[in-house]
Amino acid sequence: MKKLRIFLVNVGLRSRVYSLATPPLGIMYIAAYLRTKFPVEIQLINQRLEGWSHDEVARRAIEFDADIVGLGSMTPTAHGVPAIARAVRQAKPDTFIILGGPHISAFGKPAFEHSPDADAAVSGEGELSMEMIVQALLDGSDLSHIPGLMWRDKEGEIITNPGRAPMFENLDDLPMAAYDLIDLSKYWKTQSMPPVPRRRYASLLSSRGCPYTCMWCHNIFGRSFRAHSAERIVDEICYYKKTYGINDVEFVDDSFNLNKQRLLDCTDSLLKRNGPIKIVFPNALRADLLDEEAVDALATAGMYFCSFALESGSPRIQEFTGKRLNIPRFLKAIEYATERGVFANGFMMLGFPTETEEEMLETIRVATESRLHTASIFTVTPFPGTVLYEYALEHMPERLGGLNYNDMDFCSLEMNMSTVSDERLFYLQRKASRAFFFKPNRIYRLLRDFPQRHLLPLYIPTFVRRTFKGLFS
């Protein structure tokens, strides 16, 4: 039986501002799973890492003689998908082209319509849907039985199947991500998520789903929290250490610590089987669920860097947006972590709907007075498929007309939904950066505690840009 040739791409040119790249776990899991089901030959491409043009990505797919091409993307990079699909279609008319990833999951049918050369689009988790698509292609059947799938019939009409893409209930049934299909060492030479330092690491996704209702979130994996067992997590860490020589792991869950006992079991098992290893949480912890016991366990296991997402220092905005963070507990978790030698990074947003200047100043105050070492202050931006976007569509539709997600920098002002003017919002963002970073004690702690101090000059352009944002526009 001939092996199917499958070409999977994480679409996205390098940003004008950051050259960020992390292992493309989404397509790595799909590849690993498909290999357990079919005789396939799979090639994975991370366009952001390679820096290839859209034409070059298409050329590689054509050169690979792919039977199936899968193109996944985030919204800011999705404008490249139609160009790649078009080039593949022109050169290989019989290639089956599938779209997936966060952009398709958020935009749905309009995104599929925007890529007329694509045959199908998967919204949500991809492993089980991809299995059913491949089986249908092998059997010569249509795609009408695959829940939630968007596809084009022979006349080119778009059909959306009823239901939702199926999901794995027991994540331990999934094989480990296909790290053998990427050159992991290339990722050690580039930035993953700022300001996480460069290191010999592997990324792990230990859970899917989040029960919280933050209005800006796409929630691709659903509200039900599903997680790998502690033993499976440690199995992966030990395997990657032995196979690839890593000394650092990065968790990219939505909320790694929703189940505290799993956290404690994981750290206990890791220490018994391997000993401590460097651990980074660039965005994977819910801070107000961290108590002293959990922080101690993580720090003992090797956690040295952690991001804490405040978003807003206003209790009213916390309630309005659905995050409902307990701010005093959030601040206490930062104290626990920094006392254990953990470098603490923070995330905030300004410009929420109905947000007042006083509430923005409260966010700045909470962040500035915290024990955070660094912080990023983003502009609230509504993405389709979120409650935030639906709110904007209902209450301020005129402001959505000028939105352009292509190549957007996540710190750029795409839309101001607050009660203050654009000029005032720019000012408050500059004020936030100055108030936060120009604190003498914070400067001292940042220089003292940053894991790789020699890399700090790399962040100066970003700091200057944020501090003077909008001043000369």
Protein backbone atom coordinates (compact mmCIF):
# COMPACT_ATOMS: atom_id res chain seq x y z
CA MET A 1 0.00 0.00 0.00
CA LYS A 2 1.38 3.40 -1.01
CA LYS A 3 2.21 5.72 1.85
CA LEU A 4 0.19 8.91 1.91
CA ARG A 5 2.42 11.96 1.84
CA ILE A 6 1.22 14.65 4.24
CA PHE A 7 2.71 18.14 4.43
CA LEU A 8 1.73 20.17 7.51
CA VAL A 9 2.57 23.86 7.88
CA ASN A 10 2.48 26.31 10.74
CA VAL A 11 1.86 29.41 8.59
CA GLY A 12 3.34 32.76 9.54
CA LEU A 13 6.10 35.05 8.39
CA ARG A 14 8.42 36.42 11.04
CA SER A 15 7.07 39.49 12.81
CA ARG A 16 8.41 42.92 12.01
CA VAL A 17 8.99 43.39 15.73
CA TYR A 18 9.81 39.97 17.19
CA SER A 19 11.52 36.93 15.67
CA LEU A 20 9.67 34.47 17.85
CA ALA A 21 9.35 30.76 17.19
CA THR A 22 8.27 27.83 19.35
CA PRO A 23 7.83 24.17 18.40
CA PRO A 24 4.51 23.89 16.48
CA LEU A 25 2.83 21.49 18.90
CA GLY A 26 -0.53 21.54 17.10
CA ILE A 27 0.74 19.96 13.89
CA MET A 28 3.28 17.88 15.84
CA TYR A 29 0.45 16.15 17.74
CA ILE A 30 -1.55 15.63 14.55
CA ALA A 31 1.47 14.09 12.83
CA ALA A 32 2.22 11.81 15.78
CA TYR A 33 -1.38 10.61 15.93
CA LEU A 34 -1.79 10.01 12.18
CA ARG A 35 1.35 7.87 12.18
CA THR A 36 -0.33 5.49 14.62
CA LYS A 37 -3.32 5.06 12.27
CA PHE A 38 -2.02 5.04 8.70
CA PRO A 39 1.08 4.28 6.64
CA VAL A 40 2.08 7.90 6.04
CA GLU A 41 5.14 9.99 5.36
CA ILE A 42 4.85 13.40 7.00
CA GLN A 43 6.85 16.59 6.72
CA LEU A 44 6.39 19.50 9.14
CA ILE A 45 7.24 23.11 8.35
CA ASN A 46 7.26 26.05 10.76
CA GLN A 47 7.34 29.05 8.42
CA ARG A 48 8.08 31.46 11.27
CA LEU A 49 11.22 29.56 12.22
CA GLU A 50 12.51 29.03 8.68
CA GLY A 51 11.75 32.55 7.48
CA TRP A 52 10.56 31.23 4.10
CA SER A 53 8.27 33.16 1.78
CA HIS A 54 4.80 31.85 0.95
CA ASP A 55 6.06 30.80 -2.48
CA GLU A 56 8.93 28.89 -0.92
CA VAL A 57 6.60 27.03 1.45
CA ALA A 58 4.39 26.06 -1.50
CA ARG A 59 7.44 24.99 -3.50
CA ARG A 60 8.51 22.70 -0.67
CA ALA A 61 5.05 21.10 -0.54
CA ILE A 62 5.11 20.54 -4.29
CA GLU A 63 8.65 19.16 -4.15
CA PHE A 64 7.55 16.78 -1.39
CA ASP A 65 4.79 15.56 -3.78
CA ALA A 66 2.21 15.92 -1.03
CA ASP A 67 -1.12 14.14 -1.29
CA ILE A 68 -2.47 16.22 1.59
CA VAL A 69 -1.39 19.73 2.61
CA GLY A 70 -2.53 21.07 5.98
CA LEU A 71 -2.22 24.81 6.68
CA GLY A 72 -2.71 26.11 10.20
CA SER A 73 -2.32 29.69 11.41
CA MET A 74 -2.98 32.31 14.03
CA THR A 75 -5.18 35.22 12.94
CA PRO A 76 -2.36 37.80 12.45
CA THR A 77 -0.58 35.44 10.03
CA ALA A 78 -3.61 33.95 8.25
CA HIS A 79 -3.31 36.26 5.25
CA GLY A 80 -0.57 33.96 3.98
CA VAL A 81 -2.79 30.89 3.84
CA PRO A 82 -4.67 31.67 0.56
CA ALA A 83 -1.41 32.41 -1.26
CA ILE A 84 0.18 29.11 -0.25
CA ALA A 85 -2.99 27.16 -1.05
CA ARG A 86 -3.28 28.84 -4.45
CA ALA A 87 0.32 28.04 -5.41
CA VAL A 88 -0.06 24.39 -4.38
CA ARG A 89 -3.36 24.05 -6.24
CA GLN A 90 -1.93 25.49 -9.46
CA ALA A 91 1.03 23.12 -9.43
CA LYS A 92 -0.73 20.02 -8.06
CA PRO A 93 -4.49 20.18 -8.77
CA ASP A 94 -5.23 16.84 -7.07
CA THR A 95 -3.64 17.73 -3.73
CA PHE A 96 -6.19 17.81 -0.89
CA ILE A 97 -5.77 21.06 1.05
CA ILE A 98 -7.01 21.34 4.64
CA LEU A 99 -7.12 24.46 6.83
CA GLY A 100 -6.94 24.45 10.62
CA GLY A 101 -5.58 26.22 13.67
CA PRO A 102 -6.81 29.12 15.81
CA HIS A 103 -7.75 31.38 12.88
CA ILE A 104 -10.19 28.92 11.32
CA SER A 105 -11.54 28.05 14.77
CA ALA A 106 -12.22 31.74 15.46
CA PHE A 107 -13.48 33.00 12.07
CA GLY A 108 -15.16 29.84 10.79
CA LYS A 109 -16.82 29.94 7.36
CA PRO A 110 -15.63 33.45 6.34
CA ALA A 111 -12.00 32.33 6.72
CA PHE A 112 -12.71 29.21 4.66
CA GLU A 113 -14.38 31.32 1.98
CA HIS A 114 -11.29 33.51 1.86
CA SER A 115 -9.24 30.48 0.74
CA PRO A 116 -11.11 29.21 -2.34
CA ASP A 117 -8.38 26.69 -3.16
CA ALA A 118 -8.83 24.81 0.12
CA ASP A 119 -10.96 21.64 0.18
CA ALA A 120 -11.83 21.46 3.88
CA ALA A 121 -11.37 23.26 7.19
CA VAL A 122 -11.18 21.84 10.72
CA SER A 123 -12.32 23.99 13.63
CA GLY A 124 -11.07 23.02 17.09
CA GLU A 125 -8.88 20.02 17.92
CA GLY A 126 -7.47 18.37 14.86
CA GLU A 127 -6.35 14.81 15.60
CA LEU A 128 -9.64 12.89 15.36
CA SER A 129 -11.01 15.05 12.54
CA MET A 130 -7.84 14.53 10.53
CA GLU A 131 -8.07 10.78 11.06
CA MET A 132 -11.61 10.76 9.68
CA ILE A 133 -10.61 12.95 6.72
CA VAL A 134 -7.69 10.70 5.79
CA GLN A 135 -9.86 7.59 6.11
CA ALA A 136 -12.54 9.16 3.90
CA LEU A 137 -9.95 10.00 1.25
CA LEU A 138 -8.59 6.46 1.33
CA ASP A 139 -12.12 5.02 1.07
CA GLY A 140 -13.16 7.41 -1.68
CA SER A 141 -16.14 8.61 0.37
CA ASP A 142 -17.37 12.16 0.93
CA LEU A 143 -16.85 14.14 4.13
CA SER A 144 -20.46 14.57 5.22
CA HIS A 145 -20.11 12.31 8.29
CA ILE A 146 -17.31 14.26 10.01
CA PRO A 147 -18.77 16.41 12.83
CA GLY A 148 -18.21 20.15 12.55
CA LEU A 149 -16.18 19.94 9.34
CA MET A 150 -16.42 22.62 6.65
CA TRP A 151 -15.82 21.29 3.14
CA ARG A 152 -16.49 21.97 -0.53
CA ASP A 153 -18.51 19.58 -2.62
CA LYS A 154 -17.86 18.86 -6.31
CA GLU A 155 -19.71 22.01 -7.33
CA GLY A 156 -17.59 24.12 -4.99
CA GLU A 157 -20.41 24.79 -2.54
CA ILE A 158 -19.39 25.07 1.12
CA ILE A 159 -21.04 22.59 3.44
CA THR A 160 -20.79 22.83 7.23
CA ASN A 161 -21.49 19.52 8.93
CA PRO A 162 -23.55 19.57 12.13
CA GLY A 163 -21.87 19.04 15.48
CA ARG A 164 -18.46 19.92 16.85
CA ALA A 165 -15.04 18.48 16.05
CA PRO A 166 -14.47 15.45 18.30
CA MET A 167 -11.98 15.76 21.15
CA PHE A 168 -9.82 13.32 23.10
CA GLU A 169 -11.23 12.75 26.57
CA ASN A 170 -8.16 10.88 27.83
CA LEU A 171 -5.09 12.80 26.71
CA ASP A 172 -2.80 9.97 27.76
CA ASP A 173 -4.15 8.07 24.74
CA LEU A 174 -2.37 10.58 22.50
CA PRO A 175 1.19 9.78 21.46
CA MET A 176 3.92 12.26 22.35
CA ALA A 177 4.28 15.17 19.94
CA ALA A 178 6.41 14.32 16.87
CA TYR A 179 9.63 16.02 17.93
CA ASP A 180 11.52 13.75 15.57
CA LEU A 181 9.98 15.65 12.63
CA ILE A 182 11.52 19.00 13.60
CA ASP A 183 15.06 20.21 14.25
CA LEU A 184 14.63 21.10 17.91
CA SER A 185 18.10 22.63 18.18
CA LYS A 186 17.03 25.46 15.85
CA TYR A 187 14.54 26.62 18.47
CA TRP A 188 17.30 26.96 21.05
CA LYS A 189 18.86 29.74 18.97
CA THR A 190 15.77 31.94 18.75
CA GLN A 191 13.36 33.62 21.15
CA SER A 192 10.29 31.69 22.23
CA MET A 193 8.06 33.96 24.32
CA PRO A 194 9.58 37.22 25.57
CA PRO A 195 11.19 37.71 27.98
CA VAL A 196 11.83 33.98 28.46
CA PRO A 197 15.56 33.47 27.89
CA ARG A 198 17.02 31.29 25.14
CA ARG A 199 17.85 27.78 26.29
CA ARG A 200 17.94 24.04 25.46
CA TYR A 201 14.26 23.36 25.92
CA ALA A 202 11.23 21.39 24.75
CA SER A 203 7.63 22.65 24.89
CA LEU A 204 4.95 20.59 26.62
CA LEU A 205 1.16 20.88 26.48
CA SER A 206 -0.02 18.90 29.48
CA SER A 207 -3.70 19.84 29.41
CA ARG A 208 -6.49 21.12 27.20
CA GLY A 209 -9.58 23.11 28.01
CA CYS A 210 -10.31 25.88 30.51
CA PRO A 211 -13.47 26.41 32.60
CA TYR A 212 -12.99 30.17 32.89
CA THR A 213 -14.95 32.60 30.72
CA CYS A 214 -12.48 35.40 29.88
CA MET A 215 -14.21 37.42 27.18
CA TRP A 216 -11.07 37.82 25.02
CA CYS A 217 -10.36 34.08 24.81
CA HIS A 218 -11.11 31.83 21.80
CA ASN A 219 -11.36 28.75 24.02
CA ILE A 220 -10.52 26.36 21.18
CA PHE A 221 -10.22 23.34 23.47
CA GLY A 222 -13.58 23.80 25.21
CA ARG A 223 -14.60 24.44 28.81
CA SER A 224 -13.88 20.94 30.06
CA PHE A 225 -10.41 20.60 31.60
CA ARG A 226 -8.64 17.49 30.31
CA ALA A 227 -5.14 16.67 31.40
CA HIS A 228 -2.27 14.25 31.04
CA SER A 229 -1.51 12.25 34.15
CA ALA A 230 1.49 13.23 36.25
CA GLU A 231 3.32 10.08 35.16
CA ARG A 232 2.79 10.86 31.48
CA ILE A 233 4.18 14.36 31.95
CA VAL A 234 7.30 13.02 33.66
CA ASP A 235 7.62 10.30 30.99
CA GLU A 236 7.78 13.05 28.35
CA ILE A 237 10.33 15.13 30.25
CA CYS A 238 12.60 12.13 30.80
CA TYR A 239 12.26 11.05 27.17
CA TYR A 240 13.07 14.49 25.75
CA LYS A 241 16.02 14.84 28.11
CA LYS A 242 17.45 11.47 27.08
CA THR A 243 16.69 11.81 23.35
CA TYR A 244 17.41 15.49 22.69
CA GLY A 245 19.64 16.54 25.56
CA ILE A 246 17.30 19.24 26.88
CA ASN A 247 17.84 20.79 30.31
CA ASP A 248 14.74 22.98 30.32
CA VAL A 249 10.99 22.48 29.74
CA GLU A 250 8.32 25.03 28.84
CA PHE A 251 4.66 24.41 29.66
CA VAL A 252 2.20 26.13 27.31
CA ASP A 253 -1.11 25.06 28.87
CA ASP A 254 -3.95 27.49 29.44
CA SER A 255 -4.01 26.66 33.17
CA PHE A 256 -1.52 24.00 34.24
CA ASN A 257 -2.49 24.27 37.91
CA LEU A 258 -6.27 23.85 37.79
CA ASN A 259 -5.80 20.49 39.54
CA LYS A 260 -3.44 21.13 42.45
CA GLN A 261 -3.04 17.44 43.29
CA ARG A 262 -1.89 16.71 39.74
CA LEU A 263 0.67 19.51 40.11
CA LEU A 264 1.98 18.05 43.37
CA ASP A 265 2.04 14.52 41.97
CA CYS A 266 3.93 15.75 38.92
CA THR A 267 6.63 17.58 40.86
CA ASP A 268 7.00 14.69 43.31
CA SER A 269 7.36 12.14 40.51
CA LEU A 270 9.81 14.37 38.62
CA LEU A 271 12.06 14.72 41.65
CA LYS A 272 12.02 10.96 42.30
CA ARG A 273 12.67 9.90 38.71
CA ASN A 274 14.86 12.66 37.35
CA GLY A 275 15.61 15.29 39.95
CA PRO A 276 14.94 18.98 39.33
CA ILE A 277 15.02 20.38 35.81
CA LYS A 278 14.66 23.98 34.69
CA ILE A 279 10.96 24.80 34.23
CA VAL A 280 9.33 27.80 32.55
CA PHE A 281 5.69 28.85 32.58
CA PRO A 282 5.40 31.60 29.95
CA ASN A 283 1.60 31.77 30.29
CA ALA A 284 0.39 28.49 31.76
CA LEU A 285 -0.60 29.18 35.37
CA ARG A 286 -3.72 30.66 36.98
CA ALA A 287 -2.03 32.83 39.60
CA ASP A 288 -4.80 33.13 42.18
CA LEU A 289 -4.92 29.32 42.46
CA LEU A 290 -1.25 29.19 43.48
CA ASP A 291 -0.70 28.83 47.19
CA GLU A 292 2.59 28.55 49.05
CA GLU A 293 2.62 24.74 48.86
CA ALA A 294 2.16 24.72 45.09
CA VAL A 295 4.82 27.38 44.53
CA ASP A 296 7.26 25.55 46.80
CA ALA A 297 6.68 22.31 44.89
CA LEU A 298 7.22 23.97 41.51
CA ALA A 299 10.30 25.88 42.64
CA THR A 300 11.83 22.76 44.18
CA ALA A 301 11.22 20.92 40.90
CA GLY A 302 13.07 23.65 39.00
CA MET A 303 10.69 26.50 38.11
CA TYR A 304 12.80 29.63 37.60
CA PHE A 305 10.59 31.76 35.31
CA CYS A 306 6.84 32.33 35.46
CA SER A 307 4.39 34.77 33.90
CA PHE A 308 1.45 36.07 35.90
CA ALA A 309 -1.56 37.42 33.99
CA LEU A 310 -3.24 40.25 35.87
CA GLU A 311 -4.98 41.78 32.82
CA SER A 312 -6.79 44.38 34.96
CA GLY A 313 -6.31 45.69 38.48
CA SER A 314 -9.96 46.74 38.66
CA PRO A 315 -12.31 44.29 40.44
CA ARG A 316 -15.18 45.61 38.30
CA ILE A 317 -13.32 44.91 35.07
CA GLN A 318 -12.34 41.48 36.39
CA GLU A 319 -16.02 40.71 36.86
CA PHE A 320 -17.10 42.34 33.59
CA THR A 321 -14.56 40.39 31.49
CA GLY A 322 -15.31 37.02 33.12
CA LYS A 323 -11.79 36.36 34.37
CA ARG A 324 -12.74 37.07 38.00
CA LEU A 325 -9.17 37.00 39.26
CA ASN A 326 -8.70 37.32 43.01
CA ILE A 327 -6.20 40.20 42.96
CA PRO A 328 -4.89 39.86 46.55
CA ARG A 329 -4.21 36.15 45.96
CA PHE A 330 -2.57 37.03 42.63
CA LEU A 331 -0.18 39.40 44.39
CA LYS A 332 0.54 36.87 47.12
CA ALA A 333 1.43 34.22 44.53
CA ILE A 334 3.99 36.60 43.03
CA GLU A 335 5.47 37.14 46.47
CA TYR A 336 5.73 33.38 47.07
CA ALA A 337 7.41 32.88 43.71
CA THR A 338 9.94 35.71 43.94
CA GLU A 339 10.86 34.69 47.49
CA ARG A 340 11.78 31.30 46.02
CA GLY A 341 14.02 32.90 43.39
CA VAL A 342 11.55 32.75 40.50
CA PHE A 343 11.76 35.53 37.89
CA ALA A 344 8.23 36.96 37.63
CA ASN A 345 6.83 38.46 34.42
CA GLY A 346 3.39 40.06 34.21
CA PHE A 347 0.70 40.66 31.58
CA MET A 348 -1.77 43.55 31.65
CA MET A 349 -4.27 45.02 29.20
CA LEU A 350 -5.67 48.52 28.88
CA GLY A 351 -8.70 49.55 26.85
CA PHE A 352 -11.50 47.19 27.90
CA PRO A 353 -15.08 48.13 27.01
CA THR A 354 -16.52 50.56 29.60
CA GLU A 355 -13.07 50.90 31.25
CA THR A 356 -12.44 54.32 32.78
CA GLU A 357 -9.18 56.17 33.26
CA GLU A 358 -9.41 55.55 36.99
CA GLU A 359 -9.61 51.80 36.37
CA MET A 360 -6.60 51.92 34.05
CA LEU A 361 -4.66 53.80 36.71
CA GLU A 362 -5.66 51.09 39.18
CA THR A 363 -4.15 48.45 36.87
CA ILE A 364 -0.94 50.49 36.65
CA ARG A 365 -0.84 50.89 40.43
CA VAL A 366 -1.37 47.19 41.14
CA ALA A 367 1.31 46.18 38.64
CA THR A 368 3.82 48.81 39.76
CA GLU A 369 3.46 47.99 43.46
CA SER A 370 3.70 44.23 42.87
CA ARG A 371 6.85 42.13 43.09
CA LEU A 372 6.88 41.50 39.34
CA HIS A 373 10.26 41.90 37.65
CA THR A 374 8.94 42.72 34.17
CA ALA A 375 5.58 43.43 32.60
CA SER A 376 3.93 43.80 29.20
CA ILE A 377 1.01 46.20 28.86
CA PHE A 378 -1.08 45.22 25.85
CA THR A 379 -3.99 46.92 24.11
CA VAL A 380 -7.29 45.07 24.27
CA THR A 381 -8.08 43.77 20.77
CA PRO A 382 -11.29 41.90 19.87
CA PHE A 383 -10.86 38.76 17.79
CA PRO A 384 -13.78 37.09 16.01
CA GLY A 385 -15.09 34.05 17.81
CA THR A 386 -14.77 35.71 21.23
CA VAL A 387 -17.31 37.26 23.58
CA LEU A 388 -15.29 40.47 23.36
CA TYR A 389 -15.83 40.65 19.61
CA GLU A 390 -19.56 39.99 19.97
CA TYR A 391 -19.76 42.78 22.54
CA ALA A 392 -18.01 45.17 20.15
CA LEU A 393 -20.27 44.08 17.30
CA GLU A 394 -23.34 44.89 19.39
CA HIS A 395 -22.22 48.06 21.15
CA MET A 396 -19.63 49.71 18.88
CA PRO A 397 -19.80 48.13 15.40
CA GLU A 398 -18.49 51.32 13.78
CA ARG A 399 -15.13 50.76 15.48
CA LEU A 400 -14.65 47.31 13.97
CA GLY A 401 -14.49 48.55 10.39
CA GLY A 402 -10.87 49.64 10.53
CA LEU A 403 -9.49 46.49 12.12
CA ASN A 404 -6.70 44.78 10.20
CA TYR A 405 -5.27 41.69 11.87
CA ASN A 406 -2.58 41.08 9.24
CA ASP A 407 0.88 41.03 10.83
CA MET A 408 -0.46 42.92 13.83
CA ASP A 409 1.92 43.46 16.72
CA PHE A 410 0.11 42.39 19.88
CA CYS A 411 1.11 45.65 21.54
CA SER A 412 -0.36 47.82 18.78
CA LEU A 413 -3.55 49.82 19.07
CA GLU A 414 -6.05 48.14 16.78
CA MET A 415 -9.18 49.39 18.48
CA ASN A 416 -9.98 51.48 21.53
CA MET A 417 -13.11 50.24 23.30
CA SER A 418 -12.63 52.18 26.54
CA THR A 419 -14.17 55.45 27.71
CA VAL A 420 -10.95 57.45 27.12
CA SER A 421 -9.64 58.89 23.86
CA ASP A 422 -6.98 57.16 21.76
CA GLU A 423 -4.53 59.88 22.70
CA ARG A 424 -5.21 59.36 26.40
CA LEU A 425 -4.93 55.61 26.10
CA PHE A 426 -1.53 55.96 24.40
CA TYR A 427 -0.44 58.26 27.19
CA LEU A 428 -1.57 55.87 29.91
CA GLN A 429 0.28 52.99 28.25
CA ARG A 430 3.48 55.05 28.17
CA LYS A 431 2.85 56.07 31.76
CA ALA A 432 2.41 52.41 32.73
CA SER A 433 5.77 51.42 31.23
CA ARG A 434 7.57 54.33 32.86
CA ALA A 435 5.94 53.87 36.25
CA PHE A 436 6.64 50.15 36.24
CA PHE A 437 10.20 50.00 34.94
CA PHE A 438 11.67 53.23 36.30
CA LYS A 439 11.33 52.10 39.90
CA PRO A 440 14.92 51.89 41.25
CA ASN A 441 14.25 48.76 43.27
CA ARG A 442 12.70 47.03 40.27
CA ILE A 443 15.65 47.91 38.05
CA TYR A 444 18.00 46.48 40.66
CA ARG A 445 15.95 43.27 41.03
CA LEU A 446 15.61 42.84 37.27
CA LEU A 447 19.37 43.15 36.74
CA ARG A 448 20.05 40.87 39.68
CA ASP A 449 17.53 38.12 38.91
CA PHE A 450 17.18 37.89 35.11
CA PRO A 451 18.30 34.36 34.12
CA GLN A 452 20.52 35.55 31.24
CA ARG A 453 21.61 39.11 31.92
CA HIS A 454 23.77 39.30 28.81
CA LEU A 455 20.59 39.10 26.69
CA LEU A 456 18.89 42.08 28.34
CA PRO A 457 20.08 44.55 25.64
CA LEU A 458 17.92 42.63 23.14
CA TYR A 459 14.80 43.95 24.89
CA ILE A 460 15.77 47.63 24.90
CA PRO A 461 14.17 48.42 21.48
CA THR A 462 10.88 46.88 22.60
CA PHE A 463 10.96 48.83 25.86
CA VAL A 464 11.68 52.12 24.07
CA ARG A 465 8.90 51.48 21.55
CA ARG A 466 6.34 50.82 24.27
CA THR A 467 7.47 53.71 26.43
CA PHE A 468 7.09 56.21 23.57
CA LYS A 469 4.21 54.44 21.78
CA GLY A 470 1.99 56.80 19.83
CA LEU A 471 3.97 59.85 20.85
CA PHE A 472 5.03 60.74 17.32
CA SER A 473 2.16 59.19 15.34
